[in-house]
Amino acid sequence: MERDSIAVGLDIGTTKIVAMIGRKNEYGKLEILGVGKSKSLGVARGVVNNITQTIQSIQEAVQEAEADSGYKINDVVVGIAGQHIRSIQHSDYISRSNPEEVIGDVDIDLLINQVHKLAMLPGEEIIHVLPQEFKIDGQTEIKEPIGMYGGRLEASFHVVVGQASSIRNVGRCIKSSGLDLSGLTLEPLASADAVLSQEEKEAGVALIDIGGGTTDLAIFKDGIIRHTAVIPFGGNVITEDIKEGCSIIEKQAELLKVKFGSAWPGENKDNEIVSIPGLRGREPKEISLKNLSKIIHARVVEIIEQVFAEIKAYGHEDPRRKLIAGIVLTGGGSQLKHIKQLVEYITGMDTRIGYPNEHLAGNSDEEISSPLYATAVGLVMNSARNNTRSATPLVELQKPEPKPAMRYQQQEQPQAVAQPEPEQELEEVAVQQPVHKVQESTEKRVKRSFFDKYIDKIKDFLDNAE
């Protein structure tokens, strides 16, 4: 049974591509078996702009993860981000022909199919349909409508929309890298899974994931996703500003940002200076840390103000929509010195840095617990929930010879035929699971069934495109 729960997540970011292999241990925590990381060359602001380079980067990360774990990756859950992502709130209803019958899955599916008929801008497609609250015959605040009676079933939905071509380009890269696509999820949702607690989601929280090319926002209240947004600025823009402002090369600008950068200019004294080696025998360049932090501060303020505008657009100032748990920062950009204090200063909201270590097994590598890997950990958790066998042990793949001898072994030792036991176990689990799922929540069931359809749609498109 342990082999069946191997999960794989692939985070295609603007600065790095991470392939992560993991499985749930007996305590329900995620045990990371292998991680592969490569420089992302064909992605800008979360969108693929060079297919060939992206495929090479994916293959590099996948090979490293396979070598690290001893598993061969078959399929992956991929995160979707980029400036083309937007979200809308939408309400819809159906009138049921027989109000005397209990509401079932068919009614929910009918309602969701209606949402899919929404008119989108040219080239856009619906990625996520997330039910928020249901209303039956005027009765509000129903979270689980299945099993209830009623004639008019109404629901409010959080609909995430993206550019169809961008999503298909990601699918093409995965397929050309020799992998199957087992799932797609919005990156801020994956990061939220990895770093937020259920209590925070209930109380109301804004997750800000500051990546290399984009800053992703996900707002939760009453345990339900309420708002998502992708801001097309991230850590790369800060590096670019340092490069321009100090007249140095990009590699030096990135090093300066990581080692000496601060989002709070008042922290550095005027006489603190860093010497940068000159290019090709030129004189070294001296850079004031005060000026460096002023450059960083200006850009970080701009990013945070854009995010705060989205939080206000959600309606944070309304007492009923107040985000009691404040803000959680994650992603590589959250490691910038004093960014937590700056966010608190601008927004006036409690802030903490989100680490994915809560869901990781105790013996996990410290590096994986970094906010840098929050999205990748979230994607592996997403894959683990689907119970897919996304990777096969390399040892198994290297032992095909004993096959002919198996017949004789089975004749001599009839007990070897007792192999179907694990299958029986699996059947029992399959029988028990649907009962559990109905109790779980309509939201999760909807998400799963919709994704199956959406991934099939992408696979059909890629097959026909050839």
Protein backbone atom coordinates (compact mmCIF):
# COMPACT_ATOMS: atom_id res chain seq x y z
CA MET A 1 0.00 0.00 0.00
CA GLU A 2 2.87 2.40 0.75
CA ARG A 3 3.90 2.39 -2.94
CA ASP A 4 0.50 3.64 -4.06
CA SER A 5 0.68 6.91 -2.17
CA ILE A 6 3.78 8.36 -3.83
CA ALA A 7 2.97 11.97 -4.77
CA VAL A 8 4.80 14.38 -7.08
CA GLY A 9 4.46 18.15 -7.40
CA LEU A 10 6.07 20.36 -10.06
CA ASP A 11 6.37 24.07 -9.35
CA ILE A 12 7.13 25.93 -12.60
CA GLY A 13 8.27 29.31 -11.30
CA THR A 14 9.86 32.34 -12.93
CA THR A 15 13.24 31.90 -11.20
CA LYS A 16 13.28 28.18 -10.40
CA ILE A 17 11.57 24.92 -11.29
CA VAL A 18 11.14 22.45 -8.41
CA ALA A 19 10.17 18.79 -8.72
CA MET A 20 9.31 17.24 -5.35
CA ILE A 21 8.53 13.60 -4.53
CA GLY A 22 6.85 12.72 -1.24
CA ARG A 23 4.48 10.37 0.57
CA LYS A 24 2.33 10.47 3.67
CA ASN A 25 3.81 8.70 6.70
CA GLU A 26 1.80 6.82 9.36
CA TYR A 27 1.12 10.09 11.22
CA GLY A 28 -0.37 11.77 8.14
CA LYS A 29 2.68 14.03 7.72
CA LEU A 30 4.47 14.50 4.41
CA GLU A 31 7.79 12.70 4.07
CA ILE A 32 9.89 14.24 1.27
CA LEU A 33 11.78 11.52 -0.63
CA GLY A 34 13.54 13.70 -3.18
CA VAL A 35 13.82 17.26 -4.48
CA GLY A 36 15.13 18.49 -7.81
CA LYS A 37 15.73 22.16 -8.54
CA SER A 38 16.79 23.89 -11.74
CA LYS A 39 17.08 27.47 -12.97
CA SER A 40 13.93 28.47 -14.82
CA LEU A 41 14.96 29.81 -18.23
CA GLY A 42 11.80 29.89 -20.34
CA VAL A 43 9.31 31.46 -17.91
CA ALA A 44 8.56 35.17 -17.38
CA ARG A 45 6.08 36.41 -14.76
CA GLY A 46 4.66 32.92 -14.30
CA VAL A 47 3.99 32.40 -18.03
CA VAL A 48 5.93 30.09 -20.39
CA ASN A 49 7.58 32.18 -23.14
CA ASN A 50 10.11 29.63 -24.42
CA ILE A 51 8.89 26.04 -24.73
CA THR A 52 12.31 24.46 -25.49
CA GLN A 53 14.11 26.06 -22.53
CA THR A 54 11.22 25.28 -20.15
CA ILE A 55 11.26 21.59 -21.20
CA GLN A 56 15.03 21.43 -20.56
CA SER A 57 14.62 23.03 -17.12
CA ILE A 58 11.76 20.65 -16.20
CA GLN A 59 13.79 17.60 -17.30
CA GLU A 60 16.78 18.81 -15.29
CA ALA A 61 14.69 19.24 -12.11
CA VAL A 62 12.92 15.88 -12.65
CA GLN A 63 16.20 13.99 -13.20
CA GLU A 64 17.67 15.51 -10.03
CA ALA A 65 14.58 14.55 -8.00
CA GLU A 66 14.69 10.99 -9.43
CA ALA A 67 18.40 10.63 -8.59
CA ASP A 68 17.79 12.03 -5.09
CA SER A 69 14.85 9.71 -4.32
CA GLY A 70 15.45 6.52 -6.30
CA TYR A 71 11.99 6.83 -7.90
CA LYS A 72 10.99 7.25 -11.55
CA ILE A 73 8.40 10.03 -11.96
CA ASN A 74 5.33 9.13 -14.05
CA ASP A 75 2.96 12.05 -13.55
CA VAL A 76 2.86 15.40 -11.75
CA VAL A 77 0.49 17.95 -10.22
CA VAL A 78 1.41 21.37 -11.64
CA GLY A 79 0.83 24.84 -10.27
CA ILE A 80 -0.73 27.52 -12.46
CA ALA A 81 0.16 31.20 -11.93
CA GLY A 82 0.90 34.25 -14.04
CA GLN A 83 -0.47 37.70 -14.67
CA HIS A 84 -3.26 36.28 -16.90
CA ILE A 85 -5.03 34.81 -13.84
CA ARG A 86 -8.04 36.71 -12.52
CA SER A 87 -10.99 35.80 -10.33
CA ILE A 88 -14.67 36.76 -10.28
CA GLN A 89 -17.54 36.28 -7.85
CA HIS A 90 -20.66 34.81 -9.45
CA SER A 91 -24.08 33.68 -8.19
CA ASP A 92 -26.32 31.24 -10.02
CA TYR A 93 -29.41 29.13 -9.32
CA ILE A 94 -31.45 26.19 -10.63
CA SER A 95 -35.17 25.44 -10.15
CA ARG A 96 -35.72 21.79 -9.29
CA SER A 97 -38.63 19.96 -10.93
CA ASN A 98 -39.40 17.94 -7.79
CA PRO A 99 -38.82 19.77 -4.46
CA GLU A 100 -39.96 16.61 -2.60
CA GLU A 101 -36.75 14.82 -3.66
CA VAL A 102 -33.55 15.38 -1.67
CA ILE A 103 -30.81 17.46 -3.27
CA GLY A 104 -28.05 15.24 -4.66
CA ASP A 105 -24.81 15.34 -6.66
CA VAL A 106 -26.75 15.68 -9.92
CA ASP A 107 -28.24 19.02 -8.80
CA ILE A 108 -24.82 20.37 -7.77
CA ASP A 109 -23.32 19.30 -11.12
CA LEU A 110 -26.20 20.96 -12.98
CA LEU A 111 -25.56 24.22 -11.11
CA ILE A 112 -21.82 24.08 -11.82
CA ASN A 113 -22.35 23.34 -15.52
CA GLN A 114 -24.42 26.50 -15.64
CA VAL A 115 -21.46 28.49 -14.25
CA HIS A 116 -19.33 27.09 -17.10
CA LYS A 117 -21.60 28.81 -19.60
CA LEU A 118 -20.45 32.21 -18.32
CA ALA A 119 -19.31 34.53 -21.10
CA MET A 120 -15.52 34.94 -20.90
CA LEU A 121 -13.17 37.31 -22.69
CA PRO A 122 -11.70 35.89 -25.96
CA GLY A 123 -9.05 33.24 -25.24
CA GLU A 124 -9.98 32.85 -21.55
CA GLU A 125 -11.04 29.68 -19.82
CA ILE A 126 -12.41 28.79 -16.39
CA ILE A 127 -9.75 27.00 -14.30
CA HIS A 128 -11.39 26.72 -10.86
CA VAL A 129 -15.05 26.82 -9.81
CA LEU A 130 -15.10 27.01 -6.02
CA PRO A 131 -18.56 26.94 -4.36
CA GLN A 132 -18.79 29.27 -1.36
CA GLU A 133 -22.24 29.24 0.17
CA PHE A 134 -25.54 27.71 -0.86
CA LYS A 135 -29.08 29.03 -0.49
CA ILE A 136 -32.15 26.78 -0.57
CA ASP A 137 -35.58 28.43 -1.00
CA GLY A 138 -34.24 31.65 0.51
CA GLN A 139 -32.57 29.94 3.49
CA THR A 140 -29.01 31.32 3.56
CA GLU A 141 -25.57 30.25 4.86
CA ILE A 142 -25.91 26.57 3.93
CA LYS A 143 -22.49 24.96 3.51
CA GLU A 144 -23.62 21.41 2.71
CA PRO A 145 -26.83 21.22 0.60
CA ILE A 146 -26.72 17.47 -0.18
CA GLY A 147 -29.52 15.59 1.59
CA MET A 148 -31.76 18.65 2.06
CA TYR A 149 -35.14 19.39 0.44
CA GLY A 150 -35.96 22.43 -1.67
CA GLY A 151 -37.19 23.78 -5.00
CA ARG A 152 -34.69 26.56 -5.73
CA LEU A 153 -31.00 25.82 -5.21
CA GLU A 154 -28.76 28.88 -5.34
CA ALA A 155 -25.01 29.26 -4.78
CA SER A 156 -22.27 31.87 -4.85
CA PHE A 157 -19.08 30.79 -6.61
CA HIS A 158 -15.49 31.96 -6.69
CA VAL A 159 -14.50 31.51 -10.33
CA VAL A 160 -10.81 31.59 -11.30
CA VAL A 161 -10.18 32.43 -14.96
CA GLY A 162 -6.97 32.16 -17.01
CA GLN A 163 -5.62 32.39 -20.55
CA ALA A 164 -6.29 29.06 -22.31
CA SER A 165 -3.11 29.30 -24.45
CA SER A 166 -0.87 29.79 -21.36
CA ILE A 167 -2.33 26.71 -19.65
CA ARG A 168 -1.98 24.62 -22.81
CA ASN A 169 1.65 25.73 -23.17
CA VAL A 170 2.31 24.39 -19.65
CA GLY A 171 0.58 21.12 -20.65
CA ARG A 172 2.75 20.90 -23.78
CA CYS A 173 5.95 21.36 -21.71
CA ILE A 174 4.90 18.58 -19.30
CA LYS A 175 4.03 16.18 -22.12
CA SER A 176 7.23 16.92 -24.07
CA SER A 177 9.24 16.28 -20.88
CA GLY A 178 7.92 12.69 -20.94
CA LEU A 179 5.49 13.17 -18.03
CA ASP A 180 1.72 12.94 -17.60
CA LEU A 181 -0.38 15.71 -16.10
CA SER A 182 -2.33 14.34 -13.12
CA GLY A 183 -3.56 17.64 -11.71
CA LEU A 184 -3.62 21.42 -12.05
CA THR A 185 -4.01 23.82 -9.18
CA LEU A 186 -3.74 27.54 -8.66
CA GLU A 187 -0.36 28.27 -7.01
CA PRO A 188 -1.72 30.51 -4.22
CA LEU A 189 -4.10 27.67 -3.26
CA ALA A 190 -1.19 25.19 -3.15
CA SER A 191 0.87 27.58 -0.98
CA ALA A 192 -2.16 28.10 1.29
CA ASP A 193 -2.44 24.32 1.82
CA ALA A 194 1.21 24.18 2.87
CA VAL A 195 1.44 27.14 5.28
CA LEU A 196 -2.03 28.00 6.65
CA SER A 197 -3.81 26.30 9.54
CA GLN A 198 -7.55 25.55 9.49
CA GLU A 199 -8.02 28.01 12.40
CA GLU A 200 -6.50 30.83 10.33
CA LYS A 201 -8.74 30.02 7.37
CA GLU A 202 -11.77 30.11 9.67
CA ALA A 203 -10.78 33.40 11.35
CA GLY A 204 -9.95 35.12 8.08
CA VAL A 205 -6.45 35.38 6.61
CA ALA A 206 -4.68 36.80 3.55
CA LEU A 207 -1.84 34.68 2.15
CA ILE A 208 0.75 36.67 0.17
CA ASP A 209 3.18 34.48 -1.80
CA ILE A 210 6.04 36.68 -3.09
CA GLY A 211 7.66 34.70 -5.89
CA GLY A 212 10.30 35.57 -8.47
CA GLY A 213 7.99 36.89 -11.19
CA THR A 214 4.60 37.30 -9.50
CA THR A 215 3.06 37.96 -6.10
CA ASP A 216 0.04 35.72 -5.47
CA LEU A 217 -2.79 36.50 -3.06
CA ALA A 218 -5.39 34.14 -1.57
CA ILE A 219 -7.96 35.33 1.00
CA PHE A 220 -9.83 32.88 3.23
CA LYS A 221 -12.73 33.51 5.61
CA ASP A 222 -14.95 30.96 7.42
CA GLY A 223 -12.75 28.20 6.00
CA ILE A 224 -13.68 29.15 2.40
CA ILE A 225 -11.57 30.80 -0.32
CA ARG A 226 -13.03 34.28 -0.88
CA HIS A 227 -10.64 36.09 -3.22
CA THR A 228 -7.57 35.35 -5.36
CA ALA A 229 -5.32 37.66 -7.36
CA VAL A 230 -1.96 37.55 -9.13
CA ILE A 231 0.12 40.76 -9.14
CA PRO A 232 2.73 40.81 -11.96
CA PHE A 233 5.64 41.90 -9.73
CA GLY A 234 7.97 39.79 -7.62
CA GLY A 235 11.56 39.41 -6.45
CA ASN A 236 12.97 39.74 -9.98
CA VAL A 237 11.72 43.34 -10.27
CA ILE A 238 13.57 44.24 -7.04
CA THR A 239 16.77 42.68 -8.47
CA GLU A 240 16.24 44.64 -11.71
CA ASP A 241 15.88 47.90 -9.74
CA ILE A 242 19.14 47.20 -7.82
CA LYS A 243 20.90 46.41 -11.11
CA GLU A 244 19.77 49.71 -12.66
CA GLY A 245 20.17 51.83 -9.52
CA CYS A 246 23.70 50.62 -8.68
CA SER A 247 24.89 50.00 -12.29
CA ILE A 248 25.96 46.41 -11.63
CA ILE A 249 25.27 43.06 -13.32
CA GLU A 250 22.20 40.96 -12.43
CA LYS A 251 24.15 38.22 -10.61
CA GLN A 252 25.73 40.79 -8.28
CA ALA A 253 22.38 42.54 -7.76
CA GLU A 254 20.73 39.26 -6.69
CA LEU A 255 23.60 38.49 -4.27
CA LEU A 256 23.40 42.00 -2.80
CA LYS A 257 19.64 41.65 -2.29
CA VAL A 258 19.91 38.26 -0.57
CA LYS A 259 22.95 39.00 1.61
CA PHE A 260 22.60 42.68 2.52
CA GLY A 261 19.14 43.72 1.36
CA SER A 262 16.58 45.17 3.77
CA ALA A 263 13.06 46.49 3.21
CA TRP A 264 13.52 49.08 5.97
CA PRO A 265 16.00 51.91 5.08
CA GLY A 266 16.25 53.34 8.61
CA GLU A 267 18.08 50.18 9.69
CA ASN A 268 21.34 50.93 7.83
CA LYS A 269 23.84 53.61 8.85
CA ASP A 270 25.21 56.00 6.20
CA ASN A 271 28.77 54.70 6.54
CA GLU A 272 27.92 51.03 5.87
CA ILE A 273 29.40 50.20 2.47
CA VAL A 274 29.82 47.03 0.40
CA SER A 275 32.58 46.69 -2.19
CA ILE A 276 31.63 44.92 -5.44
CA PRO A 277 34.44 43.54 -7.67
CA GLY A 278 34.80 45.47 -10.95
CA LEU A 279 34.29 43.80 -14.34
CA ARG A 280 37.41 42.71 -16.31
CA GLY A 281 40.07 44.55 -14.30
CA ARG A 282 37.99 47.64 -13.58
CA GLU A 283 38.05 49.33 -10.18
CA PRO A 284 35.79 47.79 -7.48
CA LYS A 285 32.45 49.58 -6.99
CA GLU A 286 31.40 50.78 -3.53
CA ILE A 287 27.70 50.65 -2.74
CA SER A 288 26.05 52.22 0.30
CA LEU A 289 23.73 49.81 2.13
CA LYS A 290 21.47 52.77 2.93
CA ASN A 291 20.94 53.42 -0.81
CA LEU A 292 20.47 49.68 -1.44
CA SER A 293 17.68 49.44 1.14
CA LYS A 294 16.04 52.63 -0.25
CA ILE A 295 15.85 50.99 -3.71
CA ILE A 296 14.41 47.77 -2.25
CA HIS A 297 12.00 49.67 0.03
CA ALA A 298 10.49 51.68 -2.87
CA ARG A 299 9.65 48.55 -4.89
CA VAL A 300 8.44 46.45 -1.93
CA VAL A 301 6.09 49.28 -0.89
CA GLU A 302 4.64 49.31 -4.41
CA ILE A 303 4.06 45.52 -4.36
CA ILE A 304 2.48 45.55 -0.89
CA GLU A 305 0.23 48.52 -1.75
CA GLN A 306 -1.08 46.66 -4.81
CA VAL A 307 -1.78 43.59 -2.67
CA PHE A 308 -3.45 45.73 0.00
CA ALA A 309 -5.68 47.30 -2.71
CA GLU A 310 -6.85 43.73 -3.55
CA ILE A 311 -7.49 43.01 0.16
CA LYS A 312 -9.58 46.21 0.33
CA ALA A 313 -11.42 45.20 -2.87
CA TYR A 314 -12.41 41.96 -1.11
CA GLY A 315 -14.02 44.13 1.60
CA HIS A 316 -11.65 43.71 4.56
CA GLU A 317 -12.94 46.91 6.16
CA ASP A 318 -16.45 45.44 6.54
CA PRO A 319 -16.65 44.05 10.14
CA ARG A 320 -18.24 40.80 8.87
CA ARG A 321 -15.36 40.27 6.42
CA LYS A 322 -12.54 41.24 8.78
CA LEU A 323 -9.41 39.11 8.51
CA ILE A 324 -8.78 38.36 12.18
CA ALA A 325 -5.68 36.21 11.53
CA GLY A 326 -4.09 39.02 9.47
CA ILE A 327 -1.49 38.28 6.81
CA VAL A 328 0.81 35.32 6.19
CA LEU A 329 3.86 35.95 3.96
CA THR A 330 5.52 33.10 2.09
CA GLY A 331 7.60 32.45 -1.05
CA GLY A 332 11.24 33.42 -1.66
CA GLY A 333 10.51 37.16 -1.33
CA SER A 334 9.26 36.73 2.24
CA GLN A 335 12.87 36.02 3.31
CA LEU A 336 13.84 39.65 2.68
CA LYS A 337 14.98 41.25 5.92
CA HIS A 338 12.35 43.40 7.75
CA ILE A 339 9.62 42.73 5.17
CA LYS A 340 7.29 41.52 7.95
CA GLN A 341 7.60 44.85 9.79
CA LEU A 342 7.03 46.83 6.57
CA VAL A 343 3.86 44.85 5.73
CA GLU A 344 2.53 45.45 9.26
CA TYR A 345 3.35 49.17 8.95
CA ILE A 346 1.56 49.59 5.58
CA THR A 347 -1.51 47.42 6.23
CA GLY A 348 -1.90 47.71 10.01
CA MET A 349 -2.55 43.93 10.08
CA ASP A 350 -0.82 41.21 12.12
CA THR A 351 1.75 39.46 9.96
CA ARG A 352 3.81 36.28 10.19
CA ILE A 353 6.15 34.40 7.83
CA GLY A 354 4.63 31.10 6.66
CA TYR A 355 6.83 27.99 6.70
CA PRO A 356 5.59 24.67 5.24
CA ASN A 357 7.10 22.66 8.16
CA GLU A 358 3.75 22.07 9.93
CA HIS A 359 2.77 19.43 7.36
CA LEU A 360 6.25 17.92 6.96
CA ALA A 361 7.59 14.88 8.82
CA GLY A 362 9.96 15.66 11.70
CA ASN A 363 13.06 14.30 9.94
CA SER A 364 12.66 16.63 6.90
CA ASP A 365 15.64 18.57 5.60
CA GLU A 366 15.76 22.11 6.97
CA GLU A 367 16.05 23.57 3.46
CA ILE A 368 12.65 22.13 2.45
CA SER A 369 11.02 23.92 5.42
CA SER A 370 11.95 27.25 3.79
CA PRO A 371 9.13 29.53 2.47
CA LEU A 372 10.89 29.12 -0.88
CA TYR A 373 9.38 25.61 -1.19
CA ALA A 374 5.87 26.42 0.10
CA THR A 375 4.21 26.04 -3.33
CA ALA A 376 6.06 22.78 -4.14
CA VAL A 377 5.07 21.25 -0.76
CA GLY A 378 1.45 22.34 -1.36
CA LEU A 379 1.46 20.68 -4.80
CA VAL A 380 2.80 17.40 -3.33
CA MET A 381 0.03 17.55 -0.67
CA ASN A 382 -2.50 18.07 -3.48
CA SER A 383 -1.10 15.03 -5.33
CA ALA A 384 -1.13 12.93 -2.12
CA ARG A 385 -4.85 13.68 -1.63
CA ASN A 386 -5.59 12.10 -5.03
CA ASN A 387 -3.91 8.84 -3.88
CA THR A 388 -2.10 8.52 -7.22
CA ARG A 389 0.98 6.41 -7.74
CA SER A 390 2.90 9.24 -9.38
CA ALA A 391 6.35 7.60 -9.14
CA THR A 392 7.72 4.05 -9.33
CA PRO A 393 10.79 2.78 -7.41
CA LEU A 394 13.74 2.46 -9.82
CA VAL A 395 14.59 -0.91 -8.25
CA GLU A 396 11.32 -2.33 -9.59
CA LEU A 397 11.99 -1.00 -13.07
CA GLN A 398 15.40 -2.66 -13.16
CA LYS A 399 14.13 -6.20 -12.40
CA PRO A 400 12.17 -7.43 -15.44
CA GLU A 401 14.08 -10.80 -15.89
CA PRO A 402 12.32 -13.02 -13.31
CA LYS A 403 9.02 -12.85 -15.26
CA PRO A 404 9.21 -16.27 -17.09
CA ALA A 405 10.16 -18.05 -13.83
CA MET A 406 7.04 -16.72 -12.11
CA ARG A 407 4.79 -19.43 -13.66
CA TYR A 408 6.78 -22.28 -12.12
CA GLN A 409 6.93 -20.55 -8.76
CA GLN A 410 3.18 -20.15 -8.80
CA GLN A 411 2.67 -23.87 -9.66
CA GLU A 412 5.05 -25.09 -6.97
CA GLN A 413 3.85 -22.66 -4.31
CA PRO A 414 0.11 -22.14 -4.56
CA GLN A 415 0.31 -19.56 -1.72
CA ALA A 416 1.99 -17.12 -4.13
CA VAL A 417 -1.41 -16.77 -5.83
CA ALA A 418 -2.69 -15.07 -2.66
CA GLN A 419 -1.41 -11.84 -4.23
CA PRO A 420 -4.83 -10.24 -4.79
CA GLU A 421 -5.02 -9.42 -1.05
CA PRO A 422 -3.70 -5.85 -1.52
CA GLU A 423 -6.30 -5.40 -4.28
CA GLN A 424 -9.02 -6.55 -1.90
CA GLU A 425 -7.71 -3.99 0.58
CA LEU A 426 -7.89 -1.35 -2.13
CA GLU A 427 -11.45 -2.40 -3.03
CA GLU A 428 -12.49 -2.11 0.61
CA VAL A 429 -10.97 1.36 0.78
CA ALA A 430 -12.74 2.31 -2.44
CA VAL A 431 -16.05 1.11 -1.01
CA GLN A 432 -15.54 3.00 2.23
CA GLN A 433 -14.29 6.25 0.66
CA PRO A 434 -17.43 7.55 -1.06
CA VAL A 435 -19.27 7.45 2.27
CA HIS A 436 -16.46 9.54 3.75
CA LYS A 437 -16.42 11.95 0.78
CA VAL A 438 -20.11 12.87 1.10
CA GLN A 439 -19.51 13.76 4.73
CA GLU A 440 -16.33 15.61 3.76
CA SER A 441 -17.80 18.50 1.76
CA THR A 442 -19.46 19.36 -1.50
CA GLU A 443 -16.69 21.88 -2.17
CA LYS A 444 -13.97 19.20 -2.24
CA ARG A 445 -16.03 16.82 -4.38
CA VAL A 446 -16.82 19.60 -6.85
CA LYS A 447 -13.16 20.60 -7.06
CA ARG A 448 -12.08 17.03 -7.75
CA SER A 449 -14.70 16.21 -10.40
CA PHE A 450 -14.15 19.52 -12.16
CA PHE A 451 -10.39 19.02 -12.31
CA ASP A 452 -10.76 15.54 -13.77
CA LYS A 453 -12.85 17.01 -16.58
CA TYR A 454 -10.49 19.95 -17.11
CA ILE A 455 -7.35 17.79 -17.27
CA ASP A 456 -9.05 15.40 -19.72
CA LYS A 457 -9.89 18.46 -21.85
CA ILE A 458 -6.22 19.57 -21.88
CA LYS A 459 -5.01 16.02 -22.64
CA ASP A 460 -7.46 15.75 -25.57
CA PHE A 461 -6.29 19.11 -26.90
CA LEU A 462 -2.60 18.10 -26.69
CA ASP A 463 -3.25 14.72 -28.35
CA ASN A 464 -5.21 16.31 -31.20
CA ALA A 465 -2.64 19.11 -31.58
CA GLU A 466 -0.07 16.58 -32.69
